[in-house]
Amino acid sequence: MLKNQMNSGLDMGEGKYIYKKTKMPEVFEDQALVKVKSSGICGSDLHNTIERKNKTHFTKAGNLPQVIPGGHEVSGIIESLPKNT
């Protein structure tokens, strides 16, 4: 795999998930980089994807694109820590 790519599980909405390679996001200097080894999809993830049928998903944070990373219960290996830790 290329260094600037990562494997991603993406929530396509309406209960559909796909697995594909995506561009690695930028890591800011005050953030850690974690290589995710596993990720769970819980009931709230399933509810959100099944109920989301519009092109945009509305949240308190604003509009999210239709395709969003799935899962939020992750475990992995710390690849790098912020410089001031």
C-alpha atoms as a PDB file:
ATOM      1  CA  MET A   1       0.000   0.000   0.000  1.00  0.00           C
ATOM      2  CA  LEU A   2       1.245   3.499  -0.774  1.00  0.00           C
ATOM      3  CA  LYS A   3       2.344   5.583   2.209  1.00  0.00           C
ATOM      4  CA  ASN A   4      -0.268   8.280   1.502  1.00  0.00           C
ATOM      5  CA  GLN A   5      -3.161   5.772   1.343  1.00  0.00           C
ATOM      6  CA  MET A   6      -5.101   3.825   3.948  1.00  0.00           C
ATOM      7  CA  ASN A   7      -7.821   1.180   4.024  1.00  0.00           C
ATOM      8  CA  SER A   8     -11.252   2.605   4.860  1.00  0.00           C
ATOM      9  CA  GLY A   9     -14.678   1.252   5.691  1.00  0.00           C
ATOM     10  CA  LEU A  10     -17.100   3.836   4.308  1.00  0.00           C
ATOM     11  CA  ASP A  11     -20.757   4.314   5.210  1.00  0.00           C
ATOM     12  CA  MET A  12     -22.604   4.945   1.930  1.00  0.00           C
ATOM     13  CA  GLY A  13     -26.010   5.482   3.589  1.00  0.00           C
ATOM     14  CA  GLU A  14     -29.170   3.373   3.502  1.00  0.00           C
ATOM     15  CA  GLY A  15     -27.378   0.485   5.271  1.00  0.00           C
ATOM     16  CA  LYS A  16     -24.567   0.120   2.712  1.00  0.00           C
ATOM     17  CA  TYR A  17     -20.874  -0.042   3.637  1.00  0.00           C
ATOM     18  CA  ILE A  18     -17.903  -0.407   1.288  1.00  0.00           C
ATOM     19  CA  TYR A  19     -14.205  -1.150   1.842  1.00  0.00           C
ATOM     20  CA  LYS A  20     -11.656   0.760  -0.250  1.00  0.00           C
ATOM     21  CA  LYS A  21      -8.329   2.570  -0.217  1.00  0.00           C
ATOM     22  CA  THR A  22      -8.555   6.312   0.474  1.00  0.00           C
ATOM     23  CA  LYS A  23      -6.141   9.208   0.862  1.00  0.00           C
ATOM     24  CA  MET A  24      -4.471   9.438   4.281  1.00  0.00           C
ATOM     25  CA  PRO A  25      -5.794  12.507   6.166  1.00  0.00           C
ATOM     26  CA  GLU A  26      -3.430  15.244   7.288  1.00  0.00           C
ATOM     27  CA  VAL A  27      -2.089  14.743  10.822  1.00  0.00           C
ATOM     28  CA  PHE A  28      -1.749  18.026  12.695  1.00  0.00           C
ATOM     29  CA  GLU A  29       1.158  18.625  15.074  1.00  0.00           C
ATOM     30  CA  ASP A  30      -1.014  18.320  18.212  1.00  0.00           C
ATOM     31  CA  GLN A  31      -2.525  14.959  17.158  1.00  0.00           C
ATOM     32  CA  ALA A  32      -1.418  11.345  17.473  1.00  0.00           C
ATOM     33  CA  LEU A  33      -1.413   8.985  14.499  1.00  0.00           C
ATOM     34  CA  VAL A  34      -3.015   5.595  15.241  1.00  0.00           C
ATOM     35  CA  LYS A  35      -2.878   2.639  12.865  1.00  0.00           C
ATOM     36  CA  VAL A  36      -6.334   1.128  13.346  1.00  0.00           C
ATOM     37  CA  LYS A  37      -6.319  -2.674  13.637  1.00  0.00           C
ATOM     38  CA  SER A  38     -10.055  -3.125  14.265  1.00  0.00           C
ATOM     39  CA  SER A  39     -13.211  -1.026  14.348  1.00  0.00           C
ATOM     40  CA  GLY A  40     -16.680  -1.898  15.548  1.00  0.00           C
ATOM     41  CA  ILE A  41     -19.968  -0.822  14.069  1.00  0.00           C
ATOM     42  CA  CYS A  42     -22.579  -0.446  16.798  1.00  0.00           C
ATOM     43  CA  GLY A  43     -26.335   0.055  16.811  1.00  0.00           C
ATOM     44  CA  SER A  44     -26.105   3.847  16.512  1.00  0.00           C
ATOM     45  CA  ASP A  45     -23.903   3.484  13.396  1.00  0.00           C
ATOM     46  CA  LEU A  46     -26.462   1.140  11.828  1.00  0.00           C
ATOM     47  CA  HIS A  47     -29.358   3.418  12.772  1.00  0.00           C
ATOM     48  CA  ASN A  48     -27.613   6.439  11.255  1.00  0.00           C
ATOM     49  CA  THR A  49     -26.788   4.726   7.962  1.00  0.00           C
ATOM     50  CA  ILE A  50     -30.200   3.091   7.519  1.00  0.00           C
ATOM     51  CA  GLU A  51     -32.084   6.304   8.295  1.00  0.00           C
ATOM     52  CA  ARG A  52     -29.831   8.530   6.178  1.00  0.00           C
ATOM     53  CA  LYS A  53     -31.392   8.611   2.730  1.00  0.00           C
ATOM     54  CA  ASN A  54     -30.659  12.194   1.697  1.00  0.00           C
ATOM     55  CA  LYS A  55     -27.461  13.301  -0.016  1.00  0.00           C
ATOM     56  CA  THR A  56     -26.496  15.271   3.101  1.00  0.00           C
ATOM     57  CA  HIS A  57     -26.655  14.141   6.724  1.00  0.00           C
ATOM     58  CA  PHE A  58     -27.453  16.987   9.135  1.00  0.00           C
ATOM     59  CA  THR A  59     -25.794  17.094  12.561  1.00  0.00           C
ATOM     60  CA  LYS A  60     -25.101  19.736  15.198  1.00  0.00           C
ATOM     61  CA  ALA A  61     -21.677  20.174  13.555  1.00  0.00           C
ATOM     62  CA  GLY A  62     -23.322  21.019  10.221  1.00  0.00           C
ATOM     63  CA  ASN A  63     -23.699  19.101   6.999  1.00  0.00           C
ATOM     64  CA  LEU A  64     -21.701  15.917   6.503  1.00  0.00           C
ATOM     65  CA  PRO A  65     -21.103  14.380   3.082  1.00  0.00           C
ATOM     66  CA  GLN A  66     -23.144  11.301   2.175  1.00  0.00           C
ATOM     67  CA  VAL A  67     -20.070   9.041   2.363  1.00  0.00           C
ATOM     68  CA  ILE A  68     -18.550   9.030   5.850  1.00  0.00           C
ATOM     69  CA  PRO A  69     -16.117   6.681   7.639  1.00  0.00           C
ATOM     70  CA  GLY A  70     -17.992   3.925   9.446  1.00  0.00           C
ATOM     71  CA  GLY A  71     -17.449   2.807  13.027  1.00  0.00           C
ATOM     72  CA  HIS A  72     -16.147   4.688  16.022  1.00  0.00           C
ATOM     73  CA  GLU A  73     -15.107   1.967  18.467  1.00  0.00           C
ATOM     74  CA  VAL A  74     -11.514   1.429  17.377  1.00  0.00           C
ATOM     75  CA  SER A  75      -8.321  -0.176  18.639  1.00  0.00           C
ATOM     76  CA  GLY A  76      -4.884   0.088  17.133  1.00  0.00           C
ATOM     77  CA  ILE A  77      -1.192   0.858  17.425  1.00  0.00           C
ATOM     78  CA  ILE A  78       0.186   4.342  18.092  1.00  0.00           C
ATOM     79  CA  GLU A  79       2.412   5.228  15.135  1.00  0.00           C
ATOM     80  CA  SER A  80       3.421   8.719  16.329  1.00  0.00           C
ATOM     81  CA  LEU A  81       2.679  11.113  19.200  1.00  0.00           C
ATOM     82  CA  PRO A  82       2.542  14.912  19.223  1.00  0.00           C
ATOM     83  CA  LYS A  83       6.000  16.457  19.631  1.00  0.00           C
ATOM     84  CA  ASN A  84       5.251  18.031  23.025  1.00  0.00           C
ATOM     85  CA  THR A  85       4.115  14.869  24.848  1.00  0.00           C
END
